[in-house]
Amino acid sequence: MAKKNRNDLFMPGAITPGFIAEILHQHRGRTEIGAHSIFLGQTRADDLGGKKVCAIEFTSYEAMALEAMQEIREKIFEKYALTCMHVHHSLGKVEVGGVCLFVLTSSPHRKAAMEACSETVERVKAELPIWGKELLDDDSHQWKAANRSAGMQDQA
């Protein structure tokens, strides 16, 4: 199982395309990898009763989140034949259109990479103590609801 520095889960602000490209570039010499699966969560400009979301400000109980992410990582590696996994979540303000969650799973075969990526995203959303304050176009804000409606259950 590939180990990862526990402390690199969180990133300040939006996750940049350059960062994502660099992570992918680091895998070019890993000839045992046959598949990568990537999830990018992007901040949406939701309409909330006539007000538009302009950004989300993410906060977390970081120590608890790092512990929970370590447990998720161990369970995913036990369940799937992965070569490596990267999970990064934004803290602080992420403007609409910015990437706030990046998950990459790699394995010798595509099925394991795709299933592990999907399960990791679902578990991160359900289990990590990360909260989003939606910043609205009228300078007000509200805390992100876990389930707003059937079509809008996730922000990232």
C-alpha atoms as a PDB file:
ATOM      1  CA  MET A   1       0.000   0.000   0.000  1.00  0.00           C
ATOM      2  CA  ALA A   2       1.330   3.413  -0.947  1.00  0.00           C
ATOM      3  CA  LYS A   3       1.695   5.639   2.078  1.00  0.00           C
ATOM      4  CA  LYS A   4       1.012   9.337   1.960  1.00  0.00           C
ATOM      5  CA  ASN A   5       1.820  12.238   4.201  1.00  0.00           C
ATOM      6  CA  ARG A   6      -1.284  12.580   6.383  1.00  0.00           C
ATOM      7  CA  ASN A   7      -0.934  16.334   6.554  1.00  0.00           C
ATOM      8  CA  ASP A   8      -1.357  17.101   2.862  1.00  0.00           C
ATOM      9  CA  LEU A   9      -5.141  16.653   2.745  1.00  0.00           C
ATOM     10  CA  PHE A  10      -5.900  20.362   2.993  1.00  0.00           C
ATOM     11  CA  MET A  11      -4.900  23.127   0.626  1.00  0.00           C
ATOM     12  CA  PRO A  12      -5.487  26.867   1.018  1.00  0.00           C
ATOM     13  CA  GLY A  13      -7.980  28.185  -1.532  1.00  0.00           C
ATOM     14  CA  ALA A  14      -8.827  26.551  -4.847  1.00  0.00           C
ATOM     15  CA  ILE A  15      -6.897  23.555  -6.130  1.00  0.00           C
ATOM     16  CA  THR A  16      -5.115  24.759  -9.251  1.00  0.00           C
ATOM     17  CA  PRO A  17      -4.863  23.048 -12.638  1.00  0.00           C
ATOM     18  CA  GLY A  18      -1.080  23.245 -12.284  1.00  0.00           C
ATOM     19  CA  PHE A  19      -1.181  21.271  -9.026  1.00  0.00           C
ATOM     20  CA  ILE A  20      -3.398  18.606 -10.603  1.00  0.00           C
ATOM     21  CA  ALA A  21      -1.118  18.396 -13.652  1.00  0.00           C
ATOM     22  CA  GLU A  22       1.964  18.053 -11.435  1.00  0.00           C
ATOM     23  CA  ILE A  23       0.422  15.139  -9.516  1.00  0.00           C
ATOM     24  CA  LEU A  24      -0.362  13.393 -12.821  1.00  0.00           C
ATOM     25  CA  HIS A  25       3.108  14.163 -14.158  1.00  0.00           C
ATOM     26  CA  GLN A  26       4.693  12.522 -11.096  1.00  0.00           C
ATOM     27  CA  HIS A  27       3.122   9.212 -12.146  1.00  0.00           C
ATOM     28  CA  ARG A  28       4.657   9.053 -15.637  1.00  0.00           C
ATOM     29  CA  GLY A  29       7.389   6.639 -14.577  1.00  0.00           C
ATOM     30  CA  ARG A  30       5.077   4.317 -12.632  1.00  0.00           C
ATOM     31  CA  THR A  31       4.827   1.583 -15.264  1.00  0.00           C
ATOM     32  CA  GLU A  32       2.738  -0.710 -13.049  1.00  0.00           C
ATOM     33  CA  ILE A  33      -0.138   1.774 -13.263  1.00  0.00           C
ATOM     34  CA  GLY A  34      -2.637   1.081 -16.024  1.00  0.00           C
ATOM     35  CA  ALA A  35      -5.427   3.430 -14.964  1.00  0.00           C
ATOM     36  CA  HIS A  36      -6.105   6.668 -13.131  1.00  0.00           C
ATOM     37  CA  SER A  37      -9.526   7.816 -12.042  1.00  0.00           C
ATOM     38  CA  ILE A  38      -9.976  11.484 -11.196  1.00  0.00           C
ATOM     39  CA  PHE A  39     -12.765  13.370  -9.495  1.00  0.00           C
ATOM     40  CA  LEU A  40     -12.770  17.161  -9.434  1.00  0.00           C
ATOM     41  CA  GLY A  41     -15.378  18.893  -7.298  1.00  0.00           C
ATOM     42  CA  GLN A  42     -16.114  22.407  -8.521  1.00  0.00           C
ATOM     43  CA  THR A  43     -17.957  25.204  -6.733  1.00  0.00           C
ATOM     44  CA  ARG A  44     -21.315  25.879  -8.423  1.00  0.00           C
ATOM     45  CA  ALA A  45     -23.188  29.164  -8.788  1.00  0.00           C
ATOM     46  CA  ASP A  46     -26.363  27.808  -7.202  1.00  0.00           C
ATOM     47  CA  ASP A  47     -29.466  30.009  -7.109  1.00  0.00           C
ATOM     48  CA  LEU A  48     -30.762  30.153  -3.543  1.00  0.00           C
ATOM     49  CA  GLY A  49     -34.068  31.949  -3.555  1.00  0.00           C
ATOM     50  CA  GLY A  50     -32.944  34.636  -5.973  1.00  0.00           C
ATOM     51  CA  LYS A  51     -29.454  34.935  -4.517  1.00  0.00           C
ATOM     52  CA  LYS A  52     -26.451  33.460  -6.327  1.00  0.00           C
ATOM     53  CA  VAL A  53     -23.595  31.630  -4.659  1.00  0.00           C
ATOM     54  CA  CYS A  54     -20.372  33.495  -5.497  1.00  0.00           C
ATOM     55  CA  ALA A  55     -17.975  31.376  -3.453  1.00  0.00           C
ATOM     56  CA  ILE A  56     -17.769  28.875  -0.634  1.00  0.00           C
ATOM     57  CA  GLU A  57     -15.574  29.326   2.409  1.00  0.00           C
ATOM     58  CA  PHE A  58     -14.499  25.919   3.703  1.00  0.00           C
ATOM     59  CA  THR A  59     -13.564  25.200   7.314  1.00  0.00           C
ATOM     60  CA  SER A  60     -12.747  21.960   9.086  1.00  0.00           C
ATOM     61  CA  TYR A  61     -11.950  20.307  12.348  1.00  0.00           C
ATOM     62  CA  GLU A  62      -8.568  19.458  10.827  1.00  0.00           C
ATOM     63  CA  ALA A  63      -7.180  16.970  13.352  1.00  0.00           C
ATOM     64  CA  MET A  64     -10.372  14.910  13.259  1.00  0.00           C
ATOM     65  CA  ALA A  65     -10.521  15.117   9.461  1.00  0.00           C
ATOM     66  CA  LEU A  66      -6.941  13.871   9.110  1.00  0.00           C
ATOM     67  CA  GLU A  67      -7.691  10.894  11.372  1.00  0.00           C
ATOM     68  CA  ALA A  68     -10.883  10.073   9.468  1.00  0.00           C
ATOM     69  CA  MET A  69      -9.084  10.401   6.112  1.00  0.00           C
ATOM     70  CA  GLN A  70      -6.395   7.986   7.279  1.00  0.00           C
ATOM     71  CA  GLU A  71      -9.083   5.438   8.178  1.00  0.00           C
ATOM     72  CA  ILE A  72     -10.810   5.918   4.822  1.00  0.00           C
ATOM     73  CA  ARG A  73      -7.492   5.527   2.998  1.00  0.00           C
ATOM     74  CA  GLU A  74      -6.664   2.284   4.831  1.00  0.00           C
ATOM     75  CA  LYS A  75     -10.111   0.784   4.136  1.00  0.00           C
ATOM     76  CA  ILE A  76     -10.003   1.744   0.449  1.00  0.00           C
ATOM     77  CA  PHE A  77      -6.537   0.204   0.043  1.00  0.00           C
ATOM     78  CA  GLU A  78      -7.759  -2.976   1.755  1.00  0.00           C
ATOM     79  CA  LYS A  79     -10.766  -3.206  -0.558  1.00  0.00           C
ATOM     80  CA  TYR A  80      -9.221  -2.266  -3.933  1.00  0.00           C
ATOM     81  CA  ALA A  81      -5.957  -3.135  -5.692  1.00  0.00           C
ATOM     82  CA  LEU A  82      -4.637   0.426  -5.784  1.00  0.00           C
ATOM     83  CA  THR A  83      -1.167   1.657  -6.525  1.00  0.00           C
ATOM     84  CA  CYS A  84      -1.746   5.087  -5.002  1.00  0.00           C
ATOM     85  CA  MET A  85      -4.353   7.626  -3.926  1.00  0.00           C
ATOM     86  CA  HIS A  86      -4.320  11.402  -3.630  1.00  0.00           C
ATOM     87  CA  VAL A  87      -7.053  13.352  -1.839  1.00  0.00           C
ATOM     88  CA  HIS A  88      -6.950  17.140  -1.492  1.00  0.00           C
ATOM     89  CA  HIS A  89      -9.686  19.440  -0.178  1.00  0.00           C
ATOM     90  CA  SER A  90      -9.716  23.215  -0.093  1.00  0.00           C
ATOM     91  CA  LEU A  91      -9.832  25.278   3.063  1.00  0.00           C
ATOM     92  CA  GLY A  92     -10.716  28.938   2.881  1.00  0.00           C
ATOM     93  CA  LYS A  93     -12.496  30.722   0.077  1.00  0.00           C
ATOM     94  CA  VAL A  94     -13.079  29.057  -3.295  1.00  0.00           C
ATOM     95  CA  GLU A  95     -14.765  31.184  -5.956  1.00  0.00           C
ATOM     96  CA  VAL A  96     -17.453  29.751  -8.240  1.00  0.00           C
ATOM     97  CA  GLY A  97     -15.740  27.635 -10.891  1.00  0.00           C
ATOM     98  CA  GLY A  98     -12.819  26.786  -8.615  1.00  0.00           C
ATOM     99  CA  VAL A  99     -11.906  23.202  -7.788  1.00  0.00           C
ATOM    100  CA  CYS A 100     -12.395  22.429  -4.099  1.00  0.00           C
ATOM    101  CA  LEU A 101     -11.976  18.630  -4.048  1.00  0.00           C
ATOM    102  CA  PHE A 102      -9.445  16.544  -5.989  1.00  0.00           C
ATOM    103  CA  VAL A 103      -9.359  12.763  -5.725  1.00  0.00           C
ATOM    104  CA  LEU A 104      -7.014  10.613  -7.816  1.00  0.00           C
ATOM    105  CA  THR A 105      -6.828   6.847  -7.554  1.00  0.00           C
ATOM    106  CA  SER A 106      -4.387   4.741  -9.563  1.00  0.00           C
ATOM    107  CA  SER A 107      -4.233   1.014 -10.120  1.00  0.00           C
ATOM    108  CA  PRO A 108      -3.075  -1.591 -12.628  1.00  0.00           C
ATOM    109  CA  HIS A 109      -6.652  -1.834 -13.996  1.00  0.00           C
ATOM    110  CA  ARG A 110      -9.446   0.720 -14.574  1.00  0.00           C
ATOM    111  CA  LYS A 111     -12.252  -0.924 -12.601  1.00  0.00           C
ATOM    112  CA  ALA A 112     -10.409  -0.735  -9.276  1.00  0.00           C
ATOM    113  CA  ALA A 113      -9.327   2.865  -9.948  1.00  0.00           C
ATOM    114  CA  MET A 114     -12.859   3.987 -10.868  1.00  0.00           C
ATOM    115  CA  GLU A 115     -14.656   2.215  -8.028  1.00  0.00           C
ATOM    116  CA  ALA A 116     -12.105   3.323  -5.437  1.00  0.00           C
ATOM    117  CA  CYS A 117     -12.326   6.928  -6.621  1.00  0.00           C
ATOM    118  CA  SER A 118     -16.109   6.945  -6.421  1.00  0.00           C
ATOM    119  CA  GLU A 119     -16.192   5.368  -2.971  1.00  0.00           C
ATOM    120  CA  THR A 120     -13.496   7.721  -1.694  1.00  0.00           C
ATOM    121  CA  VAL A 121     -15.432  10.786  -2.845  1.00  0.00           C
ATOM    122  CA  GLU A 122     -18.632   9.552  -1.197  1.00  0.00           C
ATOM    123  CA  ARG A 123     -16.843   8.789   2.065  1.00  0.00           C
ATOM    124  CA  VAL A 124     -14.990  12.120   2.127  1.00  0.00           C
ATOM    125  CA  LYS A 125     -18.300  13.944   1.656  1.00  0.00           C
ATOM    126  CA  ALA A 126     -20.087  11.857   4.305  1.00  0.00           C
ATOM    127  CA  GLU A 127     -17.410  11.344   6.956  1.00  0.00           C
ATOM    128  CA  LEU A 128     -14.976  14.253   7.085  1.00  0.00           C
ATOM    129  CA  PRO A 129     -15.767  17.211   9.343  1.00  0.00           C
ATOM    130  CA  ILE A 130     -15.576  19.835   6.602  1.00  0.00           C
ATOM    131  CA  TRP A 131     -18.143  22.624   6.347  1.00  0.00           C
ATOM    132  CA  GLY A 132     -18.885  25.157   3.649  1.00  0.00           C
ATOM    133  CA  LYS A 133     -20.253  28.651   4.153  1.00  0.00           C
ATOM    134  CA  GLU A 134     -21.908  29.797   0.929  1.00  0.00           C
ATOM    135  CA  LEU A 135     -21.069  33.428   0.177  1.00  0.00           C
ATOM    136  CA  LEU A 136     -23.934  35.053  -1.735  1.00  0.00           C
ATOM    137  CA  ASP A 137     -24.066  37.896  -4.254  1.00  0.00           C
ATOM    138  CA  ASP A 138     -25.888  40.211  -1.809  1.00  0.00           C
ATOM    139  CA  ASP A 139     -22.957  39.949   0.665  1.00  0.00           C
ATOM    140  CA  SER A 140     -24.929  37.588   2.915  1.00  0.00           C
ATOM    141  CA  HIS A 141     -23.977  33.996   3.627  1.00  0.00           C
ATOM    142  CA  GLN A 142     -25.436  30.718   4.792  1.00  0.00           C
ATOM    143  CA  TRP A 143     -23.974  27.425   5.874  1.00  0.00           C
ATOM    144  CA  LYS A 144     -24.153  24.803   3.170  1.00  0.00           C
ATOM    145  CA  ALA A 145     -27.001  22.361   3.691  1.00  0.00           C
ATOM    146  CA  ALA A 146     -26.145  18.661   3.456  1.00  0.00           C
ATOM    147  CA  ASN A 147     -29.192  17.922   1.292  1.00  0.00           C
ATOM    148  CA  ARG A 148     -30.932  20.893  -0.264  1.00  0.00           C
ATOM    149  CA  SER A 149     -33.014  19.047  -2.867  1.00  0.00           C
ATOM    150  CA  ALA A 150     -32.904  15.882  -4.923  1.00  0.00           C
ATOM    151  CA  GLY A 151     -30.912  17.475  -7.730  1.00  0.00           C
ATOM    152  CA  MET A 152     -28.520  19.466  -5.550  1.00  0.00           C
ATOM    153  CA  GLN A 153     -27.089  17.161  -2.912  1.00  0.00           C
ATOM    154  CA  ASP A 154     -23.390  17.873  -3.428  1.00  0.00           C
ATOM    155  CA  GLN A 155     -21.334  20.982  -3.904  1.00  0.00           C
ATOM    156  CA  ALA A 156     -18.059  19.241  -4.595  1.00  0.00           C
END
